[in-house]
Protein backbone atom coordinates (compact mmCIF):
# COMPACT_ATOMS: atom_id res chain seq x y z
CA MET A 1 19.22 31.06 14.37
CA ALA A 2 18.01 28.25 16.68
CA VAL A 3 14.39 28.84 15.61
CA PHE A 4 15.39 28.70 11.93
CA ILE A 5 17.24 25.40 12.49
CA GLY A 6 14.25 23.97 14.34
CA VAL A 7 11.89 24.95 11.50
CA LEU A 8 14.32 23.56 8.91
CA LEU A 9 14.54 20.25 10.78
CA ALA A 10 10.75 20.05 11.00
CA VAL A 11 10.46 20.61 7.24
CA LEU A 12 13.15 18.05 6.44
CA ALA A 13 11.55 15.47 8.74
CA GLY A 14 8.42 15.49 6.59
CA PRO A 15 4.78 15.92 7.47
CA PRO A 16 3.58 15.07 10.96
CA ILE A 17 1.76 11.80 11.44
CA GLN A 18 -1.84 12.93 11.02
CA LEU A 19 -3.59 9.62 11.48
CA THR A 20 -3.08 5.95 12.17
CA PHE A 21 -4.60 3.09 10.21
CA THR A 22 -4.75 -0.69 10.19
CA THR A 23 -5.91 -3.15 7.59
CA SER A 24 -7.97 -6.29 8.15
CA ALA A 25 -10.28 -8.58 6.24
CA SER A 26 -13.43 -10.56 6.86
CA VAL A 27 -11.46 -13.84 6.55
CA ALA A 28 -7.81 -14.94 6.46
CA GLU A 29 -8.28 -18.04 4.29
CA VAL A 30 -10.00 -17.87 0.92
CA LYS A 31 -10.83 -20.01 -2.07
CA ALA A 32 -10.25 -18.83 -5.62
CA GLY A 33 -13.45 -17.16 -6.78
CA GLN A 34 -14.49 -16.13 -3.25
CA THR A 35 -15.55 -12.58 -2.33
CA VAL A 36 -14.10 -11.08 0.86
CA LYS A 37 -14.39 -7.73 2.62
CA LEU A 38 -11.29 -5.56 3.02
CA PHE A 39 -11.24 -3.02 5.84
CA VAL A 40 -9.10 0.01 6.59
CA ASP A 41 -9.66 1.34 10.12
CA ILE A 42 -8.56 4.95 10.37
CA ALA A 43 -8.08 7.15 13.44
CA PRO A 44 -7.26 10.83 12.89
CA LYS A 45 -4.99 12.29 15.54
CA PRO A 46 -6.56 14.77 18.02
CA LYS A 47 -7.61 18.09 16.42
CA MET A 48 -7.11 16.61 12.93
CA HIS A 49 -9.61 15.81 10.23
CA VAL A 50 -9.40 14.12 6.83
CA TYR A 51 -11.61 14.96 3.91
CA ALA A 52 -14.56 12.78 2.92
CA PRO A 53 -15.95 12.26 -0.57
CA GLY A 54 -17.66 15.41 -1.79
CA ALA A 55 -14.95 17.76 -0.51
CA LYS A 56 -14.15 20.07 -3.40
CA GLU A 57 -10.52 21.09 -4.00
CA TYR A 58 -9.24 18.66 -1.35
CA GLN A 59 -8.01 15.05 -1.55
CA ALA A 60 -10.81 12.91 -0.13
CA ILE A 61 -9.65 9.79 1.65
CA ALA A 62 -9.73 6.62 -0.46
CA PHE A 63 -7.85 3.43 -1.02
CA GLU A 64 -7.03 2.08 -4.44
CA LEU A 65 -6.04 -1.51 -5.11
CA ASN A 66 -3.25 -2.29 -7.54
CA SER A 67 -3.10 -6.09 -7.29
CA PRO A 68 -3.61 -8.42 -10.21
CA GLY A 69 -5.82 -11.35 -9.33
CA VAL A 70 -8.70 -9.45 -7.73
CA ASN A 71 -11.84 -7.73 -8.92
CA ALA A 72 -12.72 -4.80 -6.69
CA GLY A 73 -16.23 -3.72 -5.80
CA LYS A 74 -17.31 -0.25 -4.76
CA LEU A 75 -15.51 1.38 -1.82
CA THR A 76 -17.96 1.97 1.07
CA TYR A 77 -17.65 5.06 3.26
CA PRO A 78 -19.33 5.88 6.58
CA THR A 79 -21.42 9.03 6.97
CA SER A 80 -19.16 12.08 7.22
CA GLN A 81 -19.47 15.11 9.46
CA ASP A 82 -20.00 18.67 8.25
CA TRP A 83 -17.08 20.90 9.25
CA TYR A 84 -17.22 24.68 8.97
CA PHE A 85 -13.92 26.44 8.30
CA GLU A 86 -14.40 30.05 9.40
CA PRO A 87 -11.47 31.70 7.52
CA THR A 88 -12.77 30.56 4.12
CA LYS A 89 -16.46 30.46 5.11
CA GLU A 90 -16.86 26.95 3.73
CA HIS A 91 -18.57 23.75 4.83
CA VAL A 92 -16.73 20.54 3.94
CA PRO A 93 -17.41 16.85 4.62
CA VAL A 94 -14.77 15.36 6.94
CA TYR A 95 -13.95 12.56 9.34
CA GLN A 96 -12.65 13.67 12.74
CA SER A 97 -13.11 10.49 14.77
CA PRO A 98 -12.18 6.86 14.06
CA PHE A 99 -13.92 5.33 11.05
CA ARG A 100 -13.79 2.35 8.70
CA LEU A 101 -13.56 2.08 4.92
CA MET A 102 -14.75 -1.19 3.39
CA GLN A 103 -14.44 -2.77 -0.03
CA ASP A 104 -15.58 -6.13 -1.38
CA VAL A 105 -13.05 -7.91 -3.56
CA THR A 106 -13.35 -11.18 -5.42
CA ILE A 107 -10.26 -13.36 -5.65
CA ASN A 108 -9.96 -14.44 -9.28
CA ALA A 109 -10.62 -18.11 -10.02
CA THR A 110 -7.13 -18.36 -11.57
CA VAL A 111 -5.30 -17.57 -8.30
CA LYS A 112 -3.22 -20.58 -7.22
CA PRO A 113 -3.23 -22.02 -3.67
CA GLY A 114 -0.69 -20.50 -1.27
CA THR A 115 0.00 -17.03 0.11
CA PHE A 116 -1.71 -14.25 -1.81
CA TYR A 117 -1.22 -10.51 -1.27
CA VAL A 118 -3.67 -7.75 -2.05
CA THR A 119 -1.92 -4.39 -2.20
CA GLY A 120 -2.84 -0.81 -2.84
CA VAL A 121 -2.51 2.73 -1.55
CA LEU A 122 -4.39 4.86 0.95
CA LYS A 123 -4.67 8.48 -0.22
CA TYR A 124 -5.77 11.36 1.96
CA GLN A 125 -5.33 14.98 2.91
CA ALA A 126 -5.43 15.95 6.57
CA CYS A 127 -5.81 19.32 8.26
CA ASP A 128 -5.83 20.69 11.75
CA ASP A 129 -7.56 23.88 12.90
CA ALA A 130 -4.88 26.05 11.33
CA ILE A 131 -3.35 24.40 8.25
CA CYS A 132 -3.91 21.74 5.63
CA TYR A 133 -1.06 19.36 4.91
CA LYS A 134 -0.03 18.10 1.50
CA PRO A 135 -1.92 15.05 0.23
CA VAL A 136 -0.36 11.76 1.37
CA THR A 137 -0.17 8.33 -0.27
CA GLU A 138 0.56 5.36 2.02
CA PRO A 139 0.91 1.69 1.02
CA VAL A 140 -1.70 -0.78 2.29
CA ALA A 141 -1.72 -4.58 2.11
CA TRP A 142 -3.69 -7.67 3.09
CA THR A 143 -2.37 -11.24 3.22
CA PHE A 144 -4.52 -14.29 2.50
CA LYS A 145 -3.98 -18.02 2.44
CA VAL A 146 -5.62 -19.38 -0.72
CA LYS A 147 -6.85 -22.97 -0.31
């Protein structure tokens, strides 16, 4: 009974924290019309990996912006590692060590001076050596002072 309760509590608590991430930008103050770089620095927990673009049937890590007032450029990824999963005999592109995603965004010329927020979501699927967890969507945000 105690084991069942422990498993039930683990399920109710939600998925384990599989990685940590922070957001930053190339500058804190911008002018309307200026292009800036957005960064998401990601660190998978020990023995965890997240899927990189090109992984079939898995949620590759990405961030998507949902803010009006910006035009987003292409999301830039670092080189991934090849990971071989013996039980399924498959090779998949992954990130197992800290890495950075980067995206250029242009602040629209119509954005007024003051505090301006760029928001979006970070989507990923993480696995350890034994199981893959459900895909996760986490909010991300950057704050700028528009001159």
